[in-house]
Amino acid sequence: MKKVTLSLLISALLPTAALAHTPLFACYDFGDNIILCEGGFSDGSSASGVEVLVLDVNGAELITSAINEDGEIEFEKPAGEYKVQFNAGPGHSIEVDGKDIVE
């Protein structure tokens, strides 16, 4: 009986644990060709050092950088279509299409 109770308890708590470290990432167009993106995690942990890629429509890297100590990255808006990728590892990646980044 104890094994069944323990199994049920673990099964109930696993989905909550899986959501405890969800990546958060948003980008904003501040005009003057400046894009600011903010990144972090739902549990409040820092995303400092997390890789951020700016890619063209063919997937070629235009900019490779990382989130700074303040949880931000700022870059010059590329000409043409692009997307911004927050890459904190498997299951922790977010991609924002450039056309969704508006003033």
PDB file of N, CA and C in Angstrom:
ATOM      1  N   MET A   1       0.815  -1.199   0.000  1.00  0.00           N
ATOM      2  CA  MET A   1       0.000   0.000   0.000  1.00  0.00           C
ATOM      3  C   MET A   1       0.859   1.264   0.000  1.00  0.00           C
ATOM      4  N   LYS A   2       1.968   1.226   0.741  1.00  0.00           N
ATOM      5  CA  LYS A   2       2.848   2.392   0.789  1.00  0.00           C
ATOM      6  C   LYS A   2       3.430   2.690  -0.586  1.00  0.00           C
ATOM      7  N   LYS A   3       3.760   1.646  -1.355  1.00  0.00           N
ATOM      8  CA  LYS A   3       4.321   1.840  -2.695  1.00  0.00           C
ATOM      9  C   LYS A   3       3.311   2.517  -3.616  1.00  0.00           C
ATOM     10  N   VAL A   4       2.046   2.132  -3.495  1.00  0.00           N
ATOM     11  CA  VAL A   4       0.999   2.724  -4.326  1.00  0.00           C
ATOM     12  C   VAL A   4       0.824   4.195  -3.966  1.00  0.00           C
ATOM     13  N   THR A   5       0.792   4.500  -2.690  1.00  0.00           N
ATOM     14  CA  THR A   5       0.644   5.881  -2.242  1.00  0.00           C
ATOM     15  C   THR A   5       1.825   6.724  -2.705  1.00  0.00           C
ATOM     16  N   LEU A   6       3.034   6.205  -2.548  1.00  0.00           N
ATOM     17  CA  LEU A   6       4.227   6.923  -2.990  1.00  0.00           C
ATOM     18  C   LEU A   6       4.208   7.143  -4.498  1.00  0.00           C
ATOM     19  N   SER A   7       3.803   6.128  -5.249  1.00  0.00           N
ATOM     20  CA  SER A   7       3.728   6.257  -6.707  1.00  0.00           C
ATOM     21  C   SER A   7       2.724   7.324  -7.128  1.00  0.00           C
ATOM     22  N   LEU A   8       1.579   7.340  -6.458  1.00  0.00           N
ATOM     23  CA  LEU A   8       0.567   8.358  -6.774  1.00  0.00           C
ATOM     24  C   LEU A   8       1.054   9.757  -6.438  1.00  0.00           C
ATOM     25  N   LEU A   9       1.736   9.893  -5.319  1.00  0.00           N
ATOM     26  CA  LEU A   9       2.267  11.192  -4.915  1.00  0.00           C
ATOM     27  C   LEU A   9       3.314  11.693  -5.911  1.00  0.00           C
ATOM     28  N   ILE A  10       4.216  10.831  -6.307  1.00  0.00           N
ATOM     29  CA  ILE A  10       5.249  11.201  -7.281  1.00  0.00           C
ATOM     30  C   ILE A  10       4.609  11.576  -8.617  1.00  0.00           C
ATOM     31  N   SER A  11       3.629  10.793  -9.068  1.00  0.00           N
ATOM     32  CA  SER A  11       2.943  11.084 -10.333  1.00  0.00           C
ATOM     33  C   SER A  11       2.237  12.426 -10.295  1.00  0.00           C
ATOM     34  N   ALA A  12       1.689  12.778  -9.165  1.00  0.00           N
ATOM     35  CA  ALA A  12       0.986  14.055  -9.034  1.00  0.00           C
ATOM     36  C   ALA A  12       1.943  15.233  -9.030  1.00  0.00           C
ATOM     37  N   LEU A  13       3.138  15.046  -8.484  1.00  0.00           N
ATOM     38  CA  LEU A  13       4.086  16.147  -8.355  1.00  0.00           C
ATOM     39  C   LEU A  13       4.993  16.330  -9.565  1.00  0.00           C
ATOM     40  N   LEU A  14       5.198  15.307 -10.369  1.00  0.00           N
ATOM     41  CA  LEU A  14       6.106  15.416 -11.522  1.00  0.00           C
ATOM     42  C   LEU A  14       5.698  16.491 -12.518  1.00  0.00           C
ATOM     43  N   PRO A  15       4.431  16.610 -12.908  1.00  0.00           N
ATOM     44  CA  PRO A  15       4.096  17.693 -13.852  1.00  0.00           C
ATOM     45  C   PRO A  15       4.411  19.083 -13.295  1.00  0.00           C
ATOM     46  N   THR A  16       4.230  19.293 -12.019  1.00  0.00           N
ATOM     47  CA  THR A  16       4.551  20.577 -11.398  1.00  0.00           C
ATOM     48  C   THR A  16       6.046  20.832 -11.446  1.00  0.00           C
ATOM     49  N   ALA A  17       6.845  19.825 -11.166  1.00  0.00           N
ATOM     50  CA  ALA A  17       8.298  19.973 -11.195  1.00  0.00           C
ATOM     51  C   ALA A  17       8.792  20.274 -12.600  1.00  0.00           C
ATOM     52  N   ALA A  18       8.143  19.695 -13.592  1.00  0.00           N
ATOM     53  CA  ALA A  18       8.558  19.920 -14.978  1.00  0.00           C
ATOM     54  C   ALA A  18       8.335  21.374 -15.397  1.00  0.00           C
ATOM     55  N   LEU A  19       7.338  22.032 -14.812  1.00  0.00           N
ATOM     56  CA  LEU A  19       7.027  23.407 -15.178  1.00  0.00           C
ATOM     57  C   LEU A  19       7.771  24.436 -14.329  1.00  0.00           C
ATOM     58  N   ALA A  20       8.535  23.993 -13.375  1.00  0.00           N
ATOM     59  CA  ALA A  20       9.160  24.897 -12.416  1.00  0.00           C
ATOM     60  C   ALA A  20      10.285  25.733 -13.019  1.00  0.00           C
ATOM     61  N   HIS A  21      10.799  25.365 -14.163  1.00  0.00           N
ATOM     62  CA  HIS A  21      11.945  26.060 -14.738  1.00  0.00           C
ATOM     63  C   HIS A  21      11.673  26.384 -16.218  1.00  0.00           C
ATOM     64  N   THR A  22      10.526  26.950 -16.489  1.00  0.00           N
ATOM     65  CA  THR A  22      10.121  27.278 -17.851  1.00  0.00           C
ATOM     66  C   THR A  22      10.846  28.537 -18.324  1.00  0.00           C
ATOM     67  N   PRO A  23      11.409  28.509 -19.548  1.00  0.00           N
ATOM     68  CA  PRO A  23      12.081  29.712 -20.052  1.00  0.00           C
ATOM     69  C   PRO A  23      11.070  30.788 -20.430  1.00  0.00           C
ATOM     70  N   LEU A  24      11.467  32.037 -20.221  1.00  0.00           N
ATOM     71  CA  LEU A  24      10.658  33.200 -20.585  1.00  0.00           C
ATOM     72  C   LEU A  24      11.522  34.101 -21.465  1.00  0.00           C
ATOM     73  N   PHE A  25      10.965  34.576 -22.574  1.00  0.00           N
ATOM     74  CA  PHE A  25      11.753  35.386 -23.503  1.00  0.00           C
ATOM     75  C   PHE A  25      10.812  36.286 -24.295  1.00  0.00           C
ATOM     76  N   ALA A  26      11.115  37.570 -24.355  1.00  0.00           N
ATOM     77  CA  ALA A  26      10.308  38.531 -25.106  1.00  0.00           C
ATOM     78  C   ALA A  26      11.227  39.578 -25.719  1.00  0.00           C
ATOM     79  N   CYS A  27      10.842  40.065 -26.894  1.00  0.00           N
ATOM     80  CA  CYS A  27      11.638  41.080 -27.590  1.00  0.00           C
ATOM     81  C   CYS A  27      10.774  42.282 -27.937  1.00  0.00           C
ATOM     82  N   TYR A  28      11.419  43.466 -27.938  1.00  0.00           N
ATOM     83  CA  TYR A  28      10.732  44.728 -28.179  1.00  0.00           C
ATOM     84  C   TYR A  28      11.538  45.578 -29.145  1.00  0.00           C
ATOM     85  N   ASP A  29      10.834  46.284 -30.034  1.00  0.00           N
ATOM     86  CA  ASP A  29      11.466  47.217 -30.966  1.00  0.00           C
ATOM     87  C   ASP A  29      11.379  48.608 -30.344  1.00  0.00           C
ATOM     88  N   PHE A  30      12.532  49.194 -30.022  1.00  0.00           N
ATOM     89  CA  PHE A  30      12.570  50.508 -29.397  1.00  0.00           C
ATOM     90  C   PHE A  30      12.772  51.628 -30.410  1.00  0.00           C
ATOM     91  N   GLY A  31      12.623  51.326 -31.683  1.00  0.00           N
ATOM     92  CA  GLY A  31      12.846  52.336 -32.707  1.00  0.00           C
ATOM     93  C   GLY A  31      14.331  52.549 -32.915  1.00  0.00           C
ATOM     94  N   ASP A  32      14.687  53.410 -33.836  1.00  0.00           N
ATOM     95  CA  ASP A  32      16.099  53.674 -34.151  1.00  0.00           C
ATOM     96  C   ASP A  32      16.877  52.394 -34.421  1.00  0.00           C
ATOM     97  N   ASN A  33      16.184  51.373 -34.976  1.00  0.00           N
ATOM     98  CA  ASN A  33      16.792  50.081 -35.322  1.00  0.00           C
ATOM     99  C   ASN A  33      17.363  49.327 -34.126  1.00  0.00           C
ATOM    100  N   ILE A  34      16.840  49.556 -32.929  1.00  0.00           N
ATOM    101  CA  ILE A  34      17.321  48.857 -31.736  1.00  0.00           C
ATOM    102  C   ILE A  34      16.263  47.865 -31.256  1.00  0.00           C
ATOM    103  N   ILE A  35      16.689  46.613 -31.076  1.00  0.00           N
ATOM    104  CA  ILE A  35      15.835  45.555 -30.539  1.00  0.00           C
ATOM    105  C   ILE A  35      16.374  45.195 -29.152  1.00  0.00           C
ATOM    106  N   LEU A  36      15.469  45.117 -28.185  1.00  0.00           N
ATOM    107  CA  LEU A  36      15.828  44.701 -26.831  1.00  0.00           C
ATOM    108  C   LEU A  36      15.054  43.432 -26.516  1.00  0.00           C
ATOM    109  N   CYS A  37      15.753  42.404 -26.053  1.00  0.00           N
ATOM    110  CA  CYS A  37      15.111  41.159 -25.648  1.00  0.00           C
ATOM    111  C   CYS A  37      15.429  40.901 -24.178  1.00  0.00           C
ATOM    112  N   GLU A  38      14.446  40.345 -23.465  1.00  0.00           N
ATOM    113  CA  GLU A  38      14.610  39.996 -22.063  1.00  0.00           C
ATOM    114  C   GLU A  38      14.378  38.506 -21.904  1.00  0.00           C
ATOM    115  N   GLY A  39      15.236  37.869 -21.113  1.00  0.00           N
ATOM    116  CA  GLY A  39      15.100  36.437 -20.896  1.00  0.00           C
ATOM    117  C   GLY A  39      15.266  36.073 -19.439  1.00  0.00           C
ATOM    118  N   GLY A  40      14.640  34.991 -19.044  1.00  0.00           N
ATOM    119  CA  GLY A  40      14.740  34.498 -17.676  1.00  0.00           C
ATOM    120  C   GLY A  40      14.022  33.170 -17.568  1.00  0.00           C
ATOM    121  N   PHE A  41      13.747  32.753 -16.342  1.00  0.00           N
ATOM    122  CA  PHE A  41      13.064  31.495 -16.104  1.00  0.00           C
ATOM    123  C   PHE A  41      11.935  31.711 -15.108  1.00  0.00           C
ATOM    124  N   SER A  42      10.895  30.914 -15.227  1.00  0.00           N
ATOM    125  CA  SER A  42       9.694  31.084 -14.408  1.00  0.00           C
ATOM    126  C   SER A  42       9.937  30.928 -12.918  1.00  0.00           C
ATOM    127  N   ASP A  43      11.009  30.234 -12.541  1.00  0.00           N
ATOM    128  CA  ASP A  43      11.308  30.071 -11.113  1.00  0.00           C
ATOM    129  C   ASP A  43      12.149  31.229 -10.573  1.00  0.00           C
ATOM    130  N   GLY A  44      12.387  32.242 -11.418  1.00  0.00           N
ATOM    131  CA  GLY A  44      13.135  33.412 -10.999  1.00  0.00           C
ATOM    132  C   GLY A  44      14.634  33.303 -11.197  1.00  0.00           C
ATOM    133  N   SER A  45      15.113  32.162 -11.674  1.00  0.00           N
ATOM    134  CA  SER A  45      16.558  32.024 -11.869  1.00  0.00           C
ATOM    135  C   SER A  45      17.017  32.835 -13.081  1.00  0.00           C
ATOM    136  N   SER A  46      18.259  33.214 -13.043  1.00  0.00           N
ATOM    137  CA  SER A  46      18.848  34.081 -14.061  1.00  0.00           C
ATOM    138  C   SER A  46      19.100  33.335 -15.369  1.00  0.00           C
ATOM    139  N   ALA A  47      18.957  34.068 -16.463  1.00  0.00           N
ATOM    140  CA  ALA A  47      19.304  33.538 -17.780  1.00  0.00           C
ATOM    141  C   ALA A  47      20.632  34.120 -18.254  1.00  0.00           C
ATOM    142  N   SER A  48      21.362  34.759 -17.357  1.00  0.00           N
ATOM    143  CA  SER A  48      22.646  35.357 -17.712  1.00  0.00           C
ATOM    144  C   SER A  48      23.544  34.306 -18.356  1.00  0.00           C
ATOM    145  N   GLY A  49      24.076  34.651 -19.519  1.00  0.00           N
ATOM    146  CA  GLY A  49      24.961  33.732 -20.236  1.00  0.00           C
ATOM    147  C   GLY A  49      24.262  32.825 -21.222  1.00  0.00           C
ATOM    148  N   VAL A  50      22.935  32.805 -21.225  1.00  0.00           N
ATOM    149  CA  VAL A  50      22.204  31.962 -22.179  1.00  0.00           C
ATOM    150  C   VAL A  50      22.420  32.501 -23.592  1.00  0.00           C
ATOM    151  N   GLU A  51      22.713  31.603 -24.513  1.00  0.00           N
ATOM    152  CA  GLU A  51      22.979  31.969 -25.901  1.00  0.00           C
ATOM    153  C   GLU A  51      21.729  32.512 -26.585  1.00  0.00           C
ATOM    154  N   VAL A  52      21.909  33.582 -27.352  1.00  0.00           N
ATOM    155  CA  VAL A  52      20.858  34.159 -28.178  1.00  0.00           C
ATOM    156  C   VAL A  52      21.409  34.278 -29.594  1.00  0.00           C
ATOM    157  N   LEU A  53      20.650  33.751 -30.550  1.00  0.00           N
ATOM    158  CA  LEU A  53      21.039  33.822 -31.954  1.00  0.00           C
ATOM    159  C   LEU A  53      20.016  34.650 -32.713  1.00  0.00           C
ATOM    160  N   VAL A  54      20.495  35.461 -33.634  1.00  0.00           N
ATOM    161  CA  VAL A  54      19.622  36.151 -34.573  1.00  0.00           C
ATOM    162  C   VAL A  54      19.908  35.506 -35.921  1.00  0.00           C
ATOM    163  N   LEU A  55      18.851  34.946 -36.526  1.00  0.00           N
ATOM    164  CA  LEU A  55      18.997  34.166 -37.750  1.00  0.00           C
ATOM    165  C   LEU A  55      18.225  34.802 -38.894  1.00  0.00           C
ATOM    166  N   ASP A  56      18.745  34.648 -40.124  1.00  0.00           N
ATOM    167  CA  ASP A  56      17.992  35.121 -41.287  1.00  0.00           C
ATOM    168  C   ASP A  56      16.992  34.039 -41.699  1.00  0.00           C
ATOM    169  N   VAL A  57      16.241  34.272 -42.768  1.00  0.00           N
ATOM    170  CA  VAL A  57      15.189  33.335 -43.189  1.00  0.00           C
ATOM    171  C   VAL A  57      15.737  31.964 -43.585  1.00  0.00           C
ATOM    172  N   ASN A  58      16.992  31.898 -43.943  1.00  0.00           N
ATOM    173  CA  ASN A  58      17.608  30.623 -44.321  1.00  0.00           C
ATOM    174  C   ASN A  58      18.264  29.916 -43.140  1.00  0.00           C
ATOM    175  N   GLY A  59      18.199  30.517 -41.964  1.00  0.00           N
ATOM    176  CA  GLY A  59      18.800  29.910 -40.779  1.00  0.00           C
ATOM    177  C   GLY A  59      20.253  30.278 -40.557  1.00  0.00           C
ATOM    178  N   ALA A  60      20.794  31.166 -41.378  1.00  0.00           N
ATOM    179  CA  ALA A  60      22.183  31.599 -41.206  1.00  0.00           C
ATOM    180  C   ALA A  60      22.272  32.562 -40.022  1.00  0.00           C
ATOM    181  N   GLU A  61      23.307  32.408 -39.214  1.00  0.00           N
ATOM    182  CA  GLU A  61      23.499  33.262 -38.041  1.00  0.00           C
ATOM    183  C   GLU A  61      23.936  34.655 -38.458  1.00  0.00           C
ATOM    184  N   LEU A  62      23.161  35.655 -38.030  1.00  0.00           N
ATOM    185  CA  LEU A  62      23.512  37.052 -38.268  1.00  0.00           C
ATOM    186  C   LEU A  62      24.228  37.621 -37.051  1.00  0.00           C
ATOM    187  N   ILE A  63      23.745  37.236 -35.865  1.00  0.00           N
ATOM    188  CA  ILE A  63      24.315  37.700 -34.600  1.00  0.00           C
ATOM    189  C   ILE A  63      24.317  36.528 -33.627  1.00  0.00           C
ATOM    190  N   THR A  64      25.424  36.353 -32.931  1.00  0.00           N
ATOM    191  CA  THR A  64      25.512  35.376 -31.851  1.00  0.00           C
ATOM    192  C   THR A  64      25.953  36.132 -30.606  1.00  0.00           C
ATOM    193  N   SER A  65      25.163  36.022 -29.541  1.00  0.00           N
ATOM    194  CA  SER A  65      25.487  36.738 -28.315  1.00  0.00           C
ATOM    195  C   SER A  65      24.908  35.974 -27.133  1.00  0.00           C
ATOM    196  N   ALA A  66      24.799  36.643 -25.986  1.00  0.00           N
ATOM    197  CA  ALA A  66      24.265  36.001 -24.780  1.00  0.00           C
ATOM    198  C   ALA A  66      23.525  37.025 -23.934  1.00  0.00           C
ATOM    199  N   ILE A  67      22.627  36.535 -23.118  1.00  0.00           N
ATOM    200  CA  ILE A  67      21.888  37.370 -22.167  1.00  0.00           C
ATOM    201  C   ILE A  67      22.888  37.934 -21.146  1.00  0.00           C
ATOM    202  N   ASN A  68      22.781  39.226 -20.847  1.00  0.00           N
ATOM    203  CA  ASN A  68      23.709  39.839 -19.881  1.00  0.00           C
ATOM    204  C   ASN A  68      23.230  39.631 -18.440  1.00  0.00           C
ATOM    205  N   GLU A  69      23.949  40.206 -17.487  1.00  0.00           N
ATOM    206  CA  GLU A  69      23.656  40.038 -16.059  1.00  0.00           C
ATOM    207  C   GLU A  69      22.289  40.602 -15.676  1.00  0.00           C
ATOM    208  N   ASP A  70      21.778  41.534 -16.481  1.00  0.00           N
ATOM    209  CA  ASP A  70      20.471  42.141 -16.212  1.00  0.00           C
ATOM    210  C   ASP A  70      19.327  41.376 -16.876  1.00  0.00           C
ATOM    211  N   GLY A  71      19.649  40.258 -17.536  1.00  0.00           N
ATOM    212  CA  GLY A  71      18.620  39.462 -18.195  1.00  0.00           C
ATOM    213  C   GLY A  71      18.212  40.010 -19.546  1.00  0.00           C
ATOM    214  N   GLU A  72      19.099  40.786 -20.186  1.00  0.00           N
ATOM    215  CA  GLU A  72      18.763  41.445 -21.444  1.00  0.00           C
ATOM    216  C   GLU A  72      19.836  41.236 -22.503  1.00  0.00           C
ATOM    217  N   ILE A  73      19.420  41.474 -23.731  1.00  0.00           N
ATOM    218  CA  ILE A  73      20.345  41.570 -24.856  1.00  0.00           C
ATOM    219  C   ILE A  73      19.787  42.646 -25.782  1.00  0.00           C
ATOM    220  N   GLU A  74      20.659  43.471 -26.296  1.00  0.00           N
ATOM    221  CA  GLU A  74      20.269  44.546 -27.197  1.00  0.00           C
ATOM    222  C   GLU A  74      21.098  44.400 -28.469  1.00  0.00           C
ATOM    223  N   PHE A  75      20.440  44.567 -29.617  1.00  0.00           N
ATOM    224  CA  PHE A  75      21.168  44.471 -30.887  1.00  0.00           C
ATOM    225  C   PHE A  75      20.499  45.347 -31.929  1.00  0.00           C
ATOM    226  N   GLU A  76      21.254  45.615 -32.991  1.00  0.00           N
ATOM    227  CA  GLU A  76      20.734  46.403 -34.091  1.00  0.00           C
ATOM    228  C   GLU A  76      19.824  45.530 -34.950  1.00  0.00           C
ATOM    229  N   LYS A  77      18.666  46.068 -35.291  1.00  0.00           N
ATOM    230  CA  LYS A  77      17.676  45.333 -36.076  1.00  0.00           C
ATOM    231  C   LYS A  77      18.254  44.993 -37.451  1.00  0.00           C
ATOM    232  N   PRO A  78      18.247  43.710 -37.816  1.00  0.00           N
ATOM    233  CA  PRO A  78      18.762  43.325 -39.136  1.00  0.00           C
ATOM    234  C   PRO A  78      17.827  43.777 -40.259  1.00  0.00           C
ATOM    235  N   ALA A  79      18.380  43.975 -41.422  1.00  0.00           N
ATOM    236  CA  ALA A  79      17.563  44.286 -42.598  1.00  0.00           C
ATOM    237  C   ALA A  79      16.886  42.991 -43.047  1.00  0.00           C
ATOM    238  N   GLY A  80      15.675  43.084 -43.495  1.00  0.00           N
ATOM    239  CA  GLY A  80      14.958  41.900 -43.989  1.00  0.00           C
ATOM    240  C   GLY A  80      14.351  41.072 -42.862  1.00  0.00           C
ATOM    241  N   GLU A  81      13.885  39.880 -43.243  1.00  0.00           N
ATOM    242  CA  GLU A  81      13.244  38.992 -42.284  1.00  0.00           C
ATOM    243  C   GLU A  81      14.282  38.309 -41.394  1.00  0.00           C
ATOM    244  N   TYR A  82      13.914  38.109 -40.136  1.00  0.00           N
ATOM    245  CA  TYR A  82      14.817  37.468 -39.187  1.00  0.00           C
ATOM    246  C   TYR A  82      14.016  36.853 -38.046  1.00  0.00           C
ATOM    247  N   LYS A  83      14.680  36.044 -37.250  1.00  0.00           N
ATOM    248  CA  LYS A  83      14.088  35.504 -36.028  1.00  0.00           C
ATOM    249  C   LYS A  83      15.153  35.498 -34.944  1.00  0.00           C
ATOM    250  N   VAL A  84      14.695  35.549 -33.696  1.00  0.00           N
ATOM    251  CA  VAL A  84      15.596  35.582 -32.551  1.00  0.00           C
ATOM    252  C   VAL A  84      15.364  34.300 -31.747  1.00  0.00           C
ATOM    253  N   GLN A  85      16.442  33.615 -31.439  1.00  0.00           N
ATOM    254  CA  GLN A  85      16.353  32.328 -30.751  1.00  0.00           C
ATOM    255  C   GLN A  85      17.057  32.383 -29.396  1.00  0.00           C
ATOM    256  N   PHE A  86      16.308  32.075 -28.342  1.00  0.00           N
ATOM    257  CA  PHE A  86      16.813  31.959 -26.966  1.00  0.00           C
ATOM    258  C   PHE A  86      17.096  30.479 -26.780  1.00  0.00           C
ATOM    259  N   ASN A  87      18.370  30.123 -26.571  1.00  0.00           N
ATOM    260  CA  ASN A  87      18.751  28.712 -26.558  1.00  0.00           C
ATOM    261  C   ASN A  87      19.389  28.329 -25.228  1.00  0.00           C
ATOM    262  N   ALA A  88      18.542  27.895 -24.286  1.00  0.00           N
ATOM    263  CA  ALA A  88      19.028  27.489 -22.967  1.00  0.00           C
ATOM    264  C   ALA A  88      19.153  25.972 -22.857  1.00  0.00           C
ATOM    265  N   GLY A  89      19.174  25.280 -23.980  1.00  0.00           N
ATOM    266  CA  GLY A  89      19.332  23.831 -23.980  1.00  0.00           C
ATOM    267  C   GLY A  89      18.049  23.111 -24.369  1.00  0.00           C
ATOM    268  N   PRO A  90      18.127  21.784 -24.465  1.00  0.00           N
ATOM    269  CA  PRO A  90      16.958  20.987 -24.871  1.00  0.00           C
ATOM    270  C   PRO A  90      15.740  21.252 -23.985  1.00  0.00           C
ATOM    271  N   GLY A  91      14.621  21.546 -24.628  1.00  0.00           N
ATOM    272  CA  GLY A  91      13.390  21.827 -23.903  1.00  0.00           C
ATOM    273  C   GLY A  91      13.320  23.224 -23.330  1.00  0.00           C
ATOM    274  N   HIS A  92      14.350  24.020 -23.536  1.00  0.00           N
ATOM    275  CA  HIS A  92      14.405  25.378 -22.988  1.00  0.00           C
ATOM    276  C   HIS A  92      14.776  26.385 -24.077  1.00  0.00           C
ATOM    277  N   SER A  93      14.177  26.209 -25.238  1.00  0.00           N
ATOM    278  CA  SER A  93      14.465  27.085 -26.370  1.00  0.00           C
ATOM    279  C   SER A  93      13.183  27.798 -26.794  1.00  0.00           C
ATOM    280  N   ILE A  94      13.315  29.088 -27.097  1.00  0.00           N
ATOM    281  CA  ILE A  94      12.185  29.888 -27.564  1.00  0.00           C
ATOM    282  C   ILE A  94      12.634  30.660 -28.795  1.00  0.00           C
ATOM    283  N   GLU A  95      11.753  30.743 -29.781  1.00  0.00           N
ATOM    284  CA  GLU A  95      12.064  31.470 -31.002  1.00  0.00           C
ATOM    285  C   GLU A  95      11.003  32.556 -31.223  1.00  0.00           C
ATOM    286  N   VAL A  96      11.454  33.773 -31.500  1.00  0.00           N
ATOM    287  CA  VAL A  96      10.557  34.901 -31.758  1.00  0.00           C
ATOM    288  C   VAL A  96      10.794  35.370 -33.189  1.00  0.00           C
ATOM    289  N   ASP A  97       9.735  35.388 -33.976  1.00  0.00           N
ATOM    290  CA  ASP A  97       9.826  35.848 -35.364  1.00  0.00           C
ATOM    291  C   ASP A  97       9.953  37.371 -35.373  1.00  0.00           C
ATOM    292  N   GLY A  98      10.849  37.892 -36.189  1.00  0.00           N
ATOM    293  CA  GLY A  98      11.091  39.325 -36.265  1.00  0.00           C
ATOM    294  C   GLY A  98       9.841  40.140 -36.569  1.00  0.00           C
ATOM    295  N   LYS A  99       8.921  39.584 -37.359  1.00  0.00           N
ATOM    296  CA  LYS A  99       7.708  40.340 -37.696  1.00  0.00           C
ATOM    297  C   LYS A  99       6.768  40.473 -36.494  1.00  0.00           C
ATOM    298  N   ASP A 100       6.993  39.694 -35.436  1.00  0.00           N
ATOM    299  CA  ASP A 100       6.198  39.807 -34.214  1.00  0.00           C
ATOM    300  C   ASP A 100       6.792  40.810 -33.211  1.00  0.00           C
ATOM    301  N   ILE A 101       7.956  41.358 -33.544  1.00  0.00           N
ATOM    302  CA  ILE A 101       8.617  42.347 -32.674  1.00  0.00           C
ATOM    303  C   ILE A 101       8.245  43.723 -33.202  1.00  0.00           C
ATOM    304  N   VAL A 102       7.373  44.401 -32.473  1.00  0.00           N
ATOM    305  CA  VAL A 102       6.846  45.686 -32.947  1.00  0.00           C
ATOM    306  C   VAL A 102       7.115  46.792 -31.933  1.00  0.00           C
ATOM    307  N   GLU A 103       7.028  48.032 -32.413  1.00  0.00           N
ATOM    308  CA  GLU A 103       7.230  49.196 -31.538  1.00  0.00           C
ATOM    309  C   GLU A 103       6.061  49.362 -30.606  1.00  0.00           C
TER     310      GLU A 103
END
